[in-house]
């Protein structure tokens, strides 16, 4: 069974349900959120980087390519990560400005995205 974790995004208060093996950016986009990026999630531009506020232990360690890219721009992989590479195995709180629901979503899709991410049972724990 696939576990689902919740990532709280500050300051917007958005909640994204992230499945095991899925990146934070991919999960957010799937749920209708716009995520700042120029390279479309290729790990090149680093515009998607987030700061982990709490739950650090639930961030899956970065792969060498991500760790190298973070070091190149002076970020600490224990505190900052690229959302296009970040996988989680538990709940996290992160800081990232510019994340918002896409405005072109139809009302039913917007409601579904908001509902899926804010459900108390979105954690999927057995």
PDB file of N, CA and C in Angstrom:
ATOM      1  N   UNK A   1       0.842  -1.175   0.000  1.00  0.00           N
ATOM      2  CA  UNK A   1       0.000   0.000   0.000  1.00  0.00           C
ATOM      3  C   UNK A   1       0.893   1.246   0.000  1.00  0.00           C
ATOM      4  N   UNK A   2       0.538   2.221  -0.807  1.00  0.00           N
ATOM      5  CA  UNK A   2       1.306   3.446  -0.904  1.00  0.00           C
ATOM      6  C   UNK A   2       0.952   4.381   0.246  1.00  0.00           C
ATOM      7  N   UNK A   3       1.969   4.845   0.950  1.00  0.00           N
ATOM      8  CA  UNK A   3       1.751   5.788   2.049  1.00  0.00           C
ATOM      9  C   UNK A   3       1.639   7.191   1.478  1.00  0.00           C
ATOM     10  N   UNK A   4       0.831   8.008   2.102  1.00  0.00           N
ATOM     11  CA  UNK A   4       0.667   9.399   1.705  1.00  0.00           C
ATOM     12  C   UNK A   4       1.008  10.276   2.891  1.00  0.00           C
ATOM     13  N   UNK A   5       1.855  11.262   2.629  1.00  0.00           N
ATOM     14  CA  UNK A   5       2.274  12.204   3.667  1.00  0.00           C
ATOM     15  C   UNK A   5       1.722  13.581   3.299  1.00  0.00           C
ATOM     16  N   UNK A   6       1.639  14.453   4.274  1.00  0.00           N
ATOM     17  CA  UNK A   6       1.151  15.804   4.034  1.00  0.00           C
ATOM     18  C   UNK A   6       2.290  16.794   4.213  1.00  0.00           C
ATOM     19  N   UNK A   7       2.425  17.681   3.227  1.00  0.00           N
ATOM     20  CA  UNK A   7       3.408  18.754   3.304  1.00  0.00           C
ATOM     21  C   UNK A   7       2.634  20.067   3.414  1.00  0.00           C
ATOM     22  N   UNK A   8       2.858  20.780   4.512  1.00  0.00           N
ATOM     23  CA  UNK A   8       2.265  22.097   4.727  1.00  0.00           C
ATOM     24  C   UNK A   8       3.214  23.128   4.144  1.00  0.00           C
ATOM     25  N   UNK A   9       2.689  23.992   3.298  1.00  0.00           N
ATOM     26  CA  UNK A   9       3.500  25.008   2.646  1.00  0.00           C
ATOM     27  C   UNK A   9       3.169  26.366   3.253  1.00  0.00           C
ATOM     28  N   UNK A  10       4.177  26.975   3.858  1.00  0.00           N
ATOM     29  CA  UNK A  10       4.003  28.311   4.428  1.00  0.00           C
ATOM     30  C   UNK A  10       4.630  29.325   3.486  1.00  0.00           C
ATOM     31  N   UNK A  11       4.169  30.520   3.378  1.00  0.00           N
ATOM     32  CA  UNK A  11       3.134  31.138   4.206  1.00  0.00           C
ATOM     33  C   UNK A  11       1.711  30.949   3.687  1.00  0.00           C
ATOM     34  N   UNK A  12       1.530  30.261   2.551  1.00  0.00           N
ATOM     35  CA  UNK A  12       0.197  30.162   1.949  1.00  0.00           C
ATOM     36  C   UNK A  12      -0.770  29.302   2.749  1.00  0.00           C
ATOM     37  N   UNK A  13      -0.244  28.329   3.501  1.00  0.00           N
ATOM     38  CA  UNK A  13      -1.117  27.417   4.234  1.00  0.00           C
ATOM     39  C   UNK A  13      -1.599  26.256   3.375  1.00  0.00           C
ATOM     40  N   UNK A  14      -1.118  26.162   2.137  1.00  0.00           N
ATOM     41  CA  UNK A  14      -1.511  25.051   1.259  1.00  0.00           C
ATOM     42  C   UNK A  14      -1.013  23.740   1.841  1.00  0.00           C
ATOM     43  N   UNK A  15      -1.778  22.685   1.619  1.00  0.00           N
ATOM     44  CA  UNK A  15      -1.394  21.340   2.047  1.00  0.00           C
ATOM     45  C   UNK A  15      -1.379  20.456   0.817  1.00  0.00           C
ATOM     46  N   UNK A  16      -0.271  19.742   0.640  1.00  0.00           N
ATOM     47  CA  UNK A  16      -0.115  18.864  -0.511  1.00  0.00           C
ATOM     48  C   UNK A  16       0.073  17.437  -0.010  1.00  0.00           C
ATOM     49  N   UNK A  17      -0.724  16.526  -0.543  1.00  0.00           N
ATOM     50  CA  UNK A  17      -0.595  15.103  -0.232  1.00  0.00           C
ATOM     51  C   UNK A  17       0.450  14.520  -1.182  1.00  0.00           C
ATOM     52  N   UNK A  18       1.502  13.929  -0.611  1.00  0.00           N
ATOM     53  CA  UNK A  18       2.607  13.387  -1.408  1.00  0.00           C
ATOM     54  C   UNK A  18       2.702  11.888  -1.164  1.00  0.00           C
ATOM     55  N   UNK A  19       2.628  11.112  -2.239  1.00  0.00           N
ATOM     56  CA  UNK A  19       2.732   9.658  -2.127  1.00  0.00           C
ATOM     57  C   UNK A  19       4.196   9.227  -2.113  1.00  0.00           C
ATOM     58  N   UNK A  20       4.463   8.077  -1.538  1.00  0.00           N
ATOM     59  CA  UNK A  20       5.805   7.513  -1.521  1.00  0.00           C
ATOM     60  C   UNK A  20       6.348   7.437  -2.946  1.00  0.00           C
ATOM     61  N   UNK A  21       7.581   7.912  -3.136  1.00  0.00           N
ATOM     62  CA  UNK A  21       8.216   7.866  -4.439  1.00  0.00           C
ATOM     63  C   UNK A  21       7.883   9.034  -5.352  1.00  0.00           C
ATOM     64  N   UNK A  22       7.015   9.914  -4.920  1.00  0.00           N
ATOM     65  CA  UNK A  22       6.606  11.081  -5.708  1.00  0.00           C
ATOM     66  C   UNK A  22       7.336  12.308  -5.184  1.00  0.00           C
ATOM     67  N   UNK A  23       7.739  13.205  -6.074  1.00  0.00           N
ATOM     68  CA  UNK A  23       8.376  14.434  -5.610  1.00  0.00           C
ATOM     69  C   UNK A  23       7.316  15.428  -5.166  1.00  0.00           C
ATOM     70  N   UNK A  24       7.731  16.347  -4.313  1.00  0.00           N
ATOM     71  CA  UNK A  24       6.819  17.378  -3.827  1.00  0.00           C
ATOM     72  C   UNK A  24       6.254  18.195  -4.981  1.00  0.00           C
ATOM     73  N   UNK A  25       7.111  18.604  -5.917  1.00  0.00           N
ATOM     74  CA  UNK A  25       6.628  19.410  -7.033  1.00  0.00           C
ATOM     75  C   UNK A  25       5.626  18.639  -7.894  1.00  0.00           C
ATOM     76  N   UNK A  26       5.898  17.384  -8.181  1.00  0.00           N
ATOM     77  CA  UNK A  26       4.986  16.575  -8.992  1.00  0.00           C
ATOM     78  C   UNK A  26       3.632  16.425  -8.301  1.00  0.00           C
ATOM     79  N   UNK A  27       3.651  16.174  -6.993  1.00  0.00           N
ATOM     80  CA  UNK A  27       2.400  16.035  -6.242  1.00  0.00           C
ATOM     81  C   UNK A  27       1.612  17.337  -6.258  1.00  0.00           C
ATOM     82  N   UNK A  28       2.304  18.449  -6.037  1.00  0.00           N
ATOM     83  CA  UNK A  28       1.635  19.752  -6.017  1.00  0.00           C
ATOM     84  C   UNK A  28       1.001  20.053  -7.375  1.00  0.00           C
ATOM     85  N   UNK A  29       1.733  19.812  -8.431  1.00  0.00           N
ATOM     86  CA  UNK A  29       1.195  20.066  -9.778  1.00  0.00           C
ATOM     87  C   UNK A  29      -0.003  19.170 -10.064  1.00  0.00           C
ATOM     88  N   UNK A  30       0.086  17.917  -9.661  1.00  0.00           N
ATOM     89  CA  UNK A  30      -1.010  16.972  -9.875  1.00  0.00           C
ATOM     90  C   UNK A  30      -2.277  17.441  -9.152  1.00  0.00           C
ATOM     91  N   UNK A  31      -2.107  18.111  -8.026  1.00  0.00           N
ATOM     92  CA  UNK A  31      -3.252  18.585  -7.243  1.00  0.00           C
ATOM     93  C   UNK A  31      -3.682  19.997  -7.624  1.00  0.00           C
ATOM     94  N   UNK A  32      -3.115  20.528  -8.711  1.00  0.00           N
ATOM     95  CA  UNK A  32      -3.577  21.806  -9.237  1.00  0.00           C
ATOM     96  C   UNK A  32      -2.805  23.022  -8.781  1.00  0.00           C
ATOM     97  N   UNK A  33      -1.662  22.835  -8.157  1.00  0.00           N
ATOM     98  CA  UNK A  33      -0.857  23.965  -7.697  1.00  0.00           C
ATOM     99  C   UNK A  33       0.165  24.376  -8.749  1.00  0.00           C
ATOM    100  N   UNK A  34       0.398  25.653  -8.829  1.00  0.00           N
ATOM    101  CA  UNK A  34       1.465  26.213  -9.657  1.00  0.00           C
ATOM    102  C   UNK A  34       2.693  26.303  -8.771  1.00  0.00           C
ATOM    103  N   UNK A  35       3.841  25.818  -9.268  1.00  0.00           N
ATOM    104  CA  UNK A  35       5.081  25.834  -8.491  1.00  0.00           C
ATOM    105  C   UNK A  35       6.128  26.634  -9.256  1.00  0.00           C
ATOM    106  N   UNK A  36       6.813  27.595  -8.621  1.00  0.00           N
ATOM    107  CA  UNK A  36       7.833  28.379  -9.314  1.00  0.00           C
ATOM    108  C   UNK A  36       8.959  27.494  -9.873  1.00  0.00           C
ATOM    109  N   UNK A  37       9.206  27.602 -11.164  1.00  0.00           N
ATOM    110  CA  UNK A  37      10.279  26.871 -11.831  1.00  0.00           C
ATOM    111  C   UNK A  37      10.526  27.488 -13.199  1.00  0.00           C
ATOM    112  N   UNK A  38      11.743  27.388 -13.678  1.00  0.00           N
ATOM    113  CA  UNK A  38      12.070  27.827 -15.037  1.00  0.00           C
ATOM    114  C   UNK A  38      12.510  26.638 -15.886  1.00  0.00           C
ATOM    115  N   UNK A  39      12.902  25.540 -15.240  1.00  0.00           N
ATOM    116  CA  UNK A  39      13.418  24.377 -15.973  1.00  0.00           C
ATOM    117  C   UNK A  39      12.403  23.238 -16.019  1.00  0.00           C
ATOM    118  N   UNK A  40      11.202  23.487 -15.527  1.00  0.00           N
ATOM    119  CA  UNK A  40      10.128  22.504 -15.533  1.00  0.00           C
ATOM    120  C   UNK A  40      10.476  21.240 -14.746  1.00  0.00           C
ATOM    121  N   UNK A  41      11.148  21.441 -13.609  1.00  0.00           N
ATOM    122  CA  UNK A  41      11.420  20.314 -12.727  1.00  0.00           C
ATOM    123  C   UNK A  41      12.615  19.466 -13.098  1.00  0.00           C
ATOM    124  N   UNK A  42      13.584  20.037 -13.805  1.00  0.00           N
ATOM    125  CA  UNK A  42      14.769  19.283 -14.214  1.00  0.00           C
ATOM    126  C   UNK A  42      15.928  19.412 -13.228  1.00  0.00           C
ATOM    127  N   UNK A  43      15.763  20.221 -12.165  1.00  0.00           N
ATOM    128  CA  UNK A  43      16.827  20.385 -11.176  1.00  0.00           C
ATOM    129  C   UNK A  43      17.950  21.296 -11.634  1.00  0.00           C
ATOM    130  N   UNK A  44      17.690  22.131 -12.624  1.00  0.00           N
ATOM    131  CA  UNK A  44      18.719  22.999 -13.194  1.00  0.00           C
ATOM    132  C   UNK A  44      18.611  24.426 -12.658  1.00  0.00           C
ATOM    133  N   UNK A  45      17.415  24.993 -12.679  1.00  0.00           N
ATOM    134  CA  UNK A  45      17.244  26.415 -12.352  1.00  0.00           C
ATOM    135  C   UNK A  45      17.299  26.712 -10.856  1.00  0.00           C
ATOM    136  N   UNK A  46      16.953  25.785 -10.027  1.00  0.00           N
ATOM    137  CA  UNK A  46      16.899  25.880  -8.565  1.00  0.00           C
ATOM    138  C   UNK A  46      15.831  26.844  -8.048  1.00  0.00           C
ATOM    139  N   UNK A  47      14.967  27.362  -8.908  1.00  0.00           N
ATOM    140  CA  UNK A  47      13.901  28.261  -8.454  1.00  0.00           C
ATOM    141  C   UNK A  47      12.888  27.551  -7.553  1.00  0.00           C
ATOM    142  N   UNK A  48      12.848  26.247  -7.618  1.00  0.00           N
ATOM    143  CA  UNK A  48      11.861  25.489  -6.846  1.00  0.00           C
ATOM    144  C   UNK A  48      12.316  25.191  -5.423  1.00  0.00           C
ATOM    145  N   UNK A  49      13.509  25.655  -5.041  1.00  0.00           N
ATOM    146  CA  UNK A  49      14.023  25.246  -3.727  1.00  0.00           C
ATOM    147  C   UNK A  49      13.118  25.696  -2.594  1.00  0.00           C
ATOM    148  N   UNK A  50      13.072  24.853  -1.574  1.00  0.00           N
ATOM    149  CA  UNK A  50      12.254  25.100  -0.387  1.00  0.00           C
ATOM    150  C   UNK A  50      13.143  25.063   0.837  1.00  0.00           C
ATOM    151  N   UNK A  51      12.674  25.695   1.896  1.00  0.00           N
ATOM    152  CA  UNK A  51      13.340  25.602   3.189  1.00  0.00           C
ATOM    153  C   UNK A  51      12.469  24.739   4.084  1.00  0.00           C
ATOM    154  N   UNK A  52      13.058  23.707   4.661  1.00  0.00           N
ATOM    155  CA  UNK A  52      12.307  22.811   5.547  1.00  0.00           C
ATOM    156  C   UNK A  52      12.251  23.446   6.931  1.00  0.00           C
ATOM    157  N   UNK A  53      11.041  23.701   7.399  1.00  0.00           N
ATOM    158  CA  UNK A  53      10.853  24.313   8.712  1.00  0.00           C
ATOM    159  C   UNK A  53      10.758  23.262   9.811  1.00  0.00           C
ATOM    160  N   UNK A  54      10.039  22.172   9.546  1.00  0.00           N
ATOM    161  CA  UNK A  54       9.941  21.095  10.535  1.00  0.00           C
ATOM    162  C   UNK A  54       9.735  19.765   9.815  1.00  0.00           C
ATOM    163  N   UNK A  55      10.116  18.690  10.507  1.00  0.00           N
ATOM    164  CA  UNK A  55      10.001  17.359   9.930  1.00  0.00           C
ATOM    165  C   UNK A  55      11.199  16.969   9.090  1.00  0.00           C
ATOM    166  N   UNK A  56      12.349  17.578   9.355  1.00  0.00           N
ATOM    167  CA  UNK A  56      13.570  17.326   8.575  1.00  0.00           C
ATOM    168  C   UNK A  56      13.858  15.842   8.369  1.00  0.00           C
ATOM    169  N   UNK A  57      13.607  15.050   9.392  1.00  0.00           N
ATOM    170  CA  UNK A  57      13.905  13.619   9.319  1.00  0.00           C
ATOM    171  C   UNK A  57      13.050  12.894   8.287  1.00  0.00           C
ATOM    172  N   UNK A  58      11.959  13.523   7.843  1.00  0.00           N
ATOM    173  CA  UNK A  58      11.061  12.890   6.874  1.00  0.00           C
ATOM    174  C   UNK A  58      11.404  13.242   5.431  1.00  0.00           C
ATOM    175  N   UNK A  59      12.444  14.022   5.227  1.00  0.00           N
ATOM    176  CA  UNK A  59      12.902  14.315   3.867  1.00  0.00           C
ATOM    177  C   UNK A  59      13.865  13.203   3.455  1.00  0.00           C
ATOM    178  N   UNK A  60      13.537  12.495   2.385  1.00  0.00           N
ATOM    179  CA  UNK A  60      14.423  11.442   1.889  1.00  0.00           C
ATOM    180  C   UNK A  60      15.740  12.106   1.482  1.00  0.00           C
ATOM    181  N   UNK A  61      16.887  11.551   1.885  1.00  0.00           N
ATOM    182  CA  UNK A  61      18.173  12.190   1.573  1.00  0.00           C
ATOM    183  C   UNK A  61      18.332  12.474   0.076  1.00  0.00           C
ATOM    184  N   UNK A  62      18.990  13.586  -0.250  1.00  0.00           N
ATOM    185  CA  UNK A  62      19.143  13.949  -1.669  1.00  0.00           C
ATOM    186  C   UNK A  62      20.076  12.988  -2.401  1.00  0.00           C
ATOM    187  N   UNK A  63      19.793  12.792  -3.664  1.00  0.00           N
ATOM    188  CA  UNK A  63      20.681  12.037  -4.546  1.00  0.00           C
ATOM    189  C   UNK A  63      21.898  12.917  -4.841  1.00  0.00           C
ATOM    190  N   UNK A  64      23.001  12.345  -5.275  1.00  0.00           N
ATOM    191  CA  UNK A  64      24.223  13.129  -5.513  1.00  0.00           C
ATOM    192  C   UNK A  64      24.039  14.336  -6.444  1.00  0.00           C
ATOM    193  N   UNK A  65      23.262  14.201  -7.499  1.00  0.00           N
ATOM    194  CA  UNK A  65      23.067  15.323  -8.435  1.00  0.00           C
ATOM    195  C   UNK A  65      22.399  16.514  -7.744  1.00  0.00           C
ATOM    196  N   UNK A  66      21.384  16.242  -6.908  1.00  0.00           N
ATOM    197  CA  UNK A  66      20.713  17.333  -6.192  1.00  0.00           C
ATOM    198  C   UNK A  66      21.650  17.944  -5.165  1.00  0.00           C
ATOM    199  N   UNK A  67      22.362  17.114  -4.411  1.00  0.00           N
ATOM    200  CA  UNK A  67      23.277  17.619  -3.387  1.00  0.00           C
ATOM    201  C   UNK A  67      24.352  18.503  -4.018  1.00  0.00           C
ATOM    202  N   UNK A  68      24.841  18.100  -5.173  1.00  0.00           N
ATOM    203  CA  UNK A  68      25.856  18.884  -5.884  1.00  0.00           C
ATOM    204  C   UNK A  68      25.290  20.232  -6.331  1.00  0.00           C
ATOM    205  N   UNK A  69      24.078  20.209  -6.861  1.00  0.00           N
ATOM    206  CA  UNK A  69      23.443  21.456  -7.323  1.00  0.00           C
ATOM    207  C   UNK A  69      23.191  22.391  -6.145  1.00  0.00           C
ATOM    208  N   UNK A  70      22.728  21.865  -5.020  1.00  0.00           N
ATOM    209  CA  UNK A  70      22.496  22.685  -3.835  1.00  0.00           C
ATOM    210  C   UNK A  70      23.800  23.315  -3.354  1.00  0.00           C
ATOM    211  N   UNK A  71      24.877  22.536  -3.338  1.00  0.00           N
ATOM    212  CA  UNK A  71      26.185  23.046  -2.906  1.00  0.00           C
ATOM    213  C   UNK A  71      26.680  24.157  -3.830  1.00  0.00           C
ATOM    214  N   UNK A  72      26.424  24.010  -5.125  1.00  0.00           N
ATOM    215  CA  UNK A  72      26.849  25.022  -6.100  1.00  0.00           C
ATOM    216  C   UNK A  72      26.251  26.392  -5.808  1.00  0.00           C
ATOM    217  N   UNK A  73      25.045  26.407  -5.263  1.00  0.00           N
ATOM    218  CA  UNK A  73      24.386  27.696  -5.000  1.00  0.00           C
ATOM    219  C   UNK A  73      24.386  28.053  -3.516  1.00  0.00           C
ATOM    220  N   UNK A  74      25.153  27.297  -2.728  1.00  0.00           N
ATOM    221  CA  UNK A  74      25.338  27.637  -1.323  1.00  0.00           C
ATOM    222  C   UNK A  74      24.193  27.280  -0.396  1.00  0.00           C
ATOM    223  N   UNK A  75      23.400  26.278  -0.757  1.00  0.00           N
ATOM    224  CA  UNK A  75      22.299  25.846   0.106  1.00  0.00           C
ATOM    225  C   UNK A  75      22.706  24.604   0.886  1.00  0.00           C
ATOM    226  N   UNK A  76      22.140  24.469   2.081  1.00  0.00           N
ATOM    227  CA  UNK A  76      22.415  23.350   2.974  1.00  0.00           C
ATOM    228  C   UNK A  76      21.355  22.267   2.775  1.00  0.00           C
ATOM    229  N   UNK A  77      21.716  21.080   2.256  1.00  0.00           N
ATOM    230  CA  UNK A  77      20.723  20.039   1.999  1.00  0.00           C
ATOM    231  C   UNK A  77      19.993  19.535   3.244  1.00  0.00           C
ATOM    232  N   UNK A  78      20.482  19.856   4.419  1.00  0.00           N
ATOM    233  CA  UNK A  78      19.762  19.482   5.640  1.00  0.00           C
ATOM    234  C   UNK A  78      18.590  20.432   5.895  1.00  0.00           C
ATOM    235  N   UNK A  79      18.637  21.618   5.284  1.00  0.00           N
ATOM    236  CA  UNK A  79      17.582  22.614   5.506  1.00  0.00           C
ATOM    237  C   UNK A  79      16.866  23.036   4.229  1.00  0.00           C
ATOM    238  N   UNK A  80      17.548  23.008   3.103  1.00  0.00           N
ATOM    239  CA  UNK A  80      16.952  23.433   1.842  1.00  0.00           C
ATOM    240  C   UNK A  80      17.056  22.320   0.819  1.00  0.00           C
ATOM    241  N   UNK A  81      16.003  22.188   0.027  1.00  0.00           N
ATOM    242  CA  UNK A  81      15.951  21.127  -0.982  1.00  0.00           C
ATOM    243  C   UNK A  81      15.249  21.639  -2.230  1.00  0.00           C
ATOM    244  N   UNK A  82      15.476  20.952  -3.336  1.00  0.00           N
ATOM    245  CA  UNK A  82      14.778  21.253  -4.580  1.00  0.00           C
ATOM    246  C   UNK A  82      13.469  20.472  -4.580  1.00  0.00           C
ATOM    247  N   UNK A  83      12.356  21.166  -4.728  1.00  0.00           N
ATOM    248  CA  UNK A  83      11.047  20.510  -4.698  1.00  0.00           C
ATOM    249  C   UNK A  83      10.896  19.498  -5.832  1.00  0.00           C
ATOM    250  N   UNK A  84      11.614  19.714  -6.925  1.00  0.00           N
ATOM    251  CA  UNK A  84      11.523  18.786  -8.056  1.00  0.00           C
ATOM    252  C   UNK A  84      12.237  17.470  -7.775  1.00  0.00           C
ATOM    253  N   UNK A  85      13.022  17.403  -6.705  1.00  0.00           N
ATOM    254  CA  UNK A  85      13.712  16.177  -6.310  1.00  0.00           C
ATOM    255  C   UNK A  85      13.280  15.672  -4.943  1.00  0.00           C
ATOM    256  N   UNK A  86      12.639  16.510  -4.155  1.00  0.00           N
ATOM    257  CA  UNK A  86      12.321  16.174  -2.765  1.00  0.00           C
ATOM    258  C   UNK A  86      11.217  15.127  -2.654  1.00  0.00           C
ATOM    259  N   UNK A  87      11.570  13.982  -2.080  1.00  0.00           N
ATOM    260  CA  UNK A  87      10.611  12.949  -1.726  1.00  0.00           C
ATOM    261  C   UNK A  87      10.536  12.909  -0.204  1.00  0.00           C
ATOM    262  N   UNK A  88       9.378  12.531   0.326  1.00  0.00           N
ATOM    263  CA  UNK A  88       9.192  12.526   1.775  1.00  0.00           C
ATOM    264  C   UNK A  88       8.662  11.171   2.235  1.00  0.00           C
ATOM    265  N   UNK A  89       8.957  10.844   3.496  1.00  0.00           N
ATOM    266  CA  UNK A  89       8.413   9.614   4.072  1.00  0.00           C
ATOM    267  C   UNK A  89       7.649   9.898   5.365  1.00  0.00           C
ATOM    268  N   UNK A  90       7.263  11.158   5.534  1.00  0.00           N
ATOM    269  CA  UNK A  90       6.480  11.598   6.691  1.00  0.00           C
ATOM    270  C   UNK A  90       6.089  13.049   6.479  1.00  0.00           C
ATOM    271  N   UNK A  91       5.312  13.588   7.398  1.00  0.00           N
ATOM    272  CA  UNK A  91       4.822  14.955   7.252  1.00  0.00           C
ATOM    273  C   UNK A  91       5.931  15.984   7.442  1.00  0.00           C
ATOM    274  N   UNK A  92       5.853  17.057   6.654  1.00  0.00           N
ATOM    275  CA  UNK A  92       6.824  18.155   6.694  1.00  0.00           C
ATOM    276  C   UNK A  92       6.096  19.481   6.677  1.00  0.00           C
ATOM    277  N   UNK A  93       6.781  20.506   7.158  1.00  0.00           N
ATOM    278  CA  UNK A  93       6.357  21.887   6.951  1.00  0.00           C
ATOM    279  C   UNK A  93       7.514  22.569   6.244  1.00  0.00           C
ATOM    280  N   UNK A  94       7.198  23.231   5.135  1.00  0.00           N
ATOM    281  CA  UNK A  94       8.230  23.912   4.367  1.00  0.00           C
ATOM    282  C   UNK A  94       7.836  25.371   4.155  1.00  0.00           C
ATOM    283  N   UNK A  95       8.812  26.170   3.759  1.00  0.00           N
ATOM    284  CA  UNK A  95       8.562  27.563   3.398  1.00  0.00           C
ATOM    285  C   UNK A  95       8.865  27.718   1.916  1.00  0.00           C
ATOM    286  N   UNK A  96       7.876  28.195   1.162  1.00  0.00           N
ATOM    287  CA  UNK A  96       8.062  28.476  -0.262  1.00  0.00           C
ATOM    288  C   UNK A  96       7.020  29.493  -0.695  1.00  0.00           C
ATOM    289  N   UNK A  97       7.480  30.640  -1.129  1.00  0.00           N
ATOM    290  CA  UNK A  97       6.563  31.662  -1.651  1.00  0.00           C
ATOM    291  C   UNK A  97       6.264  31.367  -3.115  1.00  0.00           C
ATOM    292  N   UNK A  98       5.080  31.773  -3.565  1.00  0.00           N
ATOM    293  CA  UNK A  98       4.721  31.638  -4.971  1.00  0.00           C
ATOM    294  C   UNK A  98       3.948  30.385  -5.325  1.00  0.00           C
ATOM    295  N   UNK A  99       3.668  29.528  -4.359  1.00  0.00           N
ATOM    296  CA  UNK A  99       2.881  28.323  -4.618  1.00  0.00           C
ATOM    297  C   UNK A  99       1.411  28.680  -4.445  1.00  0.00           C
ATOM    298  N   UNK A 100       0.611  28.412  -5.477  1.00  0.00           N
ATOM    299  CA  UNK A 100      -0.815  28.747  -5.410  1.00  0.00           C
ATOM    300  C   UNK A 100      -1.597  27.831  -6.341  1.00  0.00           C
ATOM    301  N   UNK A 101      -2.878  27.656  -6.051  1.00  0.00           N
ATOM    302  CA  UNK A 101      -3.728  26.893  -6.961  1.00  0.00           C
ATOM    303  C   UNK A 101      -3.798  27.627  -8.289  1.00  0.00           C
ATOM    304  N   UNK A 102      -3.765  26.881  -9.375  1.00  0.00           N
ATOM    305  CA  UNK A 102      -3.870  27.485 -10.705  1.00  0.00           C
ATOM    306  C   UNK A 102      -5.243  28.115 -10.851  1.00  0.00           C
ATOM    307  N   UNK A 103      -5.273  29.301 -11.380  1.00  0.00           N
ATOM    308  CA  UNK A 103      -6.530  30.046 -11.509  1.00  0.00           C
ATOM    309  C   UNK A 103      -7.439  29.476 -12.570  1.00  0.00           C
ATOM    310  N   UNK A 104      -6.901  28.762 -13.554  1.00  0.00           N
ATOM    311  CA  UNK A 104      -7.732  28.247 -14.637  1.00  0.00           C
ATOM    312  C   UNK A 104      -8.464  26.950 -14.293  1.00  0.00           C
ATOM    313  N   UNK A 105      -8.306  26.450 -13.078  1.00  0.00           N
ATOM    314  CA  UNK A 105      -9.016  25.237 -12.700  1.00  0.00           C
ATOM    315  C   UNK A 105     -10.511  25.496 -12.668  1.00  0.00           C
ATOM    316  N   UNK A 106     -11.277  24.530 -13.146  1.00  0.00           N
ATOM    317  CA  UNK A 106     -12.721  24.649 -13.037  1.00  0.00           C
ATOM    318  C   UNK A 106     -13.089  24.535 -11.567  1.00  0.00           C
ATOM    319  N   UNK A 107     -14.232  25.078 -11.167  1.00  0.00           N
ATOM    320  CA  UNK A 107     -14.602  25.031  -9.746  1.00  0.00           C
ATOM    321  C   UNK A 107     -14.588  23.628  -9.146  1.00  0.00           C
ATOM    322  N   UNK A 108     -15.038  22.613  -9.911  1.00  0.00           N
ATOM    323  CA  UNK A 108     -15.052  21.249  -9.353  1.00  0.00           C
ATOM    324  C   UNK A 108     -13.639  20.702  -9.173  1.00  0.00           C
ATOM    325  N   UNK A 109     -12.717  21.002 -10.091  1.00  0.00           N
ATOM    326  CA  UNK A 109     -11.337  20.546  -9.940  1.00  0.00           C
ATOM    327  C   UNK A 109     -10.639  21.302  -8.815  1.00  0.00           C
ATOM    328  N   UNK A 110     -10.931  22.595  -8.664  1.00  0.00           N
ATOM    329  CA  UNK A 110     -10.345  23.371  -7.574  1.00  0.00           C
ATOM    330  C   UNK A 110     -10.814  22.807  -6.237  1.00  0.00           C
ATOM    331  N   UNK A 111     -12.101  22.531  -6.117  1.00  0.00           N
ATOM    332  CA  UNK A 111     -12.648  21.987  -4.878  1.00  0.00           C
ATOM    333  C   UNK A 111     -12.020  20.622  -4.580  1.00  0.00           C
ATOM    334  N   UNK A 112     -11.872  19.782  -5.594  1.00  0.00           N
ATOM    335  CA  UNK A 112     -11.276  18.460  -5.390  1.00  0.00           C
ATOM    336  C   UNK A 112      -9.827  18.577  -4.919  1.00  0.00           C
ATOM    337  N   UNK A 113      -9.058  19.497  -5.511  1.00  0.00           N
ATOM    338  CA  UNK A 113      -7.656  19.685  -5.115  1.00  0.00           C
ATOM    339  C   UNK A 113      -7.569  20.185  -3.679  1.00  0.00           C
ATOM    340  N   UNK A 114      -8.399  21.162  -3.342  1.00  0.00           N
ATOM    341  CA  UNK A 114      -8.375  21.700  -1.981  1.00  0.00           C
ATOM    342  C   UNK A 114      -8.814  20.646  -0.975  1.00  0.00           C
ATOM    343  N   UNK A 115      -9.831  19.877  -1.336  1.00  0.00           N
ATOM    344  CA  UNK A 115     -10.351  18.857  -0.440  1.00  0.00           C
ATOM    345  C   UNK A 115      -9.336  17.742  -0.214  1.00  0.00           C
ATOM    346  N   UNK A 116      -8.712  17.268  -1.279  1.00  0.00           N
ATOM    347  CA  UNK A 116      -7.745  16.171  -1.161  1.00  0.00           C
ATOM    348  C   UNK A 116      -6.568  16.555  -0.287  1.00  0.00           C
ATOM    349  N   UNK A 117      -6.116  17.788  -0.398  1.00  0.00           N
ATOM    350  CA  UNK A 117      -4.941  18.202   0.354  1.00  0.00           C
ATOM    351  C   UNK A 117      -5.244  18.576   1.797  1.00  0.00           C
ATOM    352  N   UNK A 118      -6.489  18.867   2.113  1.00  0.00           N
ATOM    353  CA  UNK A 118      -6.802  19.322   3.474  1.00  0.00           C
ATOM    354  C   UNK A 118      -7.486  18.269   4.341  1.00  0.00           C
ATOM    355  N   UNK A 119      -7.786  17.111   3.784  1.00  0.00           N
ATOM    356  CA  UNK A 119      -8.415  16.056   4.582  1.00  0.00           C
ATOM    357  C   UNK A 119      -7.531  15.614   5.728  1.00  0.00           C
ATOM    358  N   UNK A 120      -8.087  15.443   6.906  1.00  0.00           N
ATOM    359  CA  UNK A 120      -7.294  14.931   8.026  1.00  0.00           C
ATOM    360  C   UNK A 120      -6.740  13.539   7.736  1.00  0.00           C
ATOM    361  N   UNK A 121      -7.458  12.747   6.927  1.00  0.00           N
ATOM    362  CA  UNK A 121      -6.998  11.387   6.629  1.00  0.00           C
ATOM    363  C   UNK A 121      -6.056  11.335   5.439  1.00  0.00           C
ATOM    364  N   UNK A 122      -5.600  12.505   4.944  1.00  0.00           N
ATOM    365  CA  UNK A 122      -4.720  12.549   3.780  1.00  0.00           C
ATOM    366  C   UNK A 122      -3.356  11.944   4.064  1.00  0.00           C
ATOM    367  N   UNK A 123      -3.082  11.649   5.312  1.00  0.00           N
ATOM    368  CA  UNK A 123      -1.784  11.084   5.663  1.00  0.00           C
ATOM    369  C   UNK A 123      -1.663   9.626   5.272  1.00  0.00           C
ATOM    370  N   UNK A 124      -2.783   8.935   5.126  1.00  0.00           N
ATOM    371  CA  UNK A 124      -2.774   7.564   4.643  1.00  0.00           C
ATOM    372  C   UNK A 124      -2.052   6.559   5.527  1.00  0.00           C
ATOM    373  N   UNK A 125      -1.975   6.819   6.786  1.00  0.00           N
ATOM    374  CA  UNK A 125      -1.296   5.899   7.694  1.00  0.00           C
ATOM    375  C   UNK A 125      -2.157   4.672   7.953  1.00  0.00           C
ATOM    376  N   UNK A 126      -1.528   3.494   8.013  1.00  0.00           N
ATOM    377  CA  UNK A 126      -2.298   2.290   8.349  1.00  0.00           C
ATOM    378  C   UNK A 126      -2.230   2.049   9.834  1.00  0.00           C
TER     379      UNK A 126
END
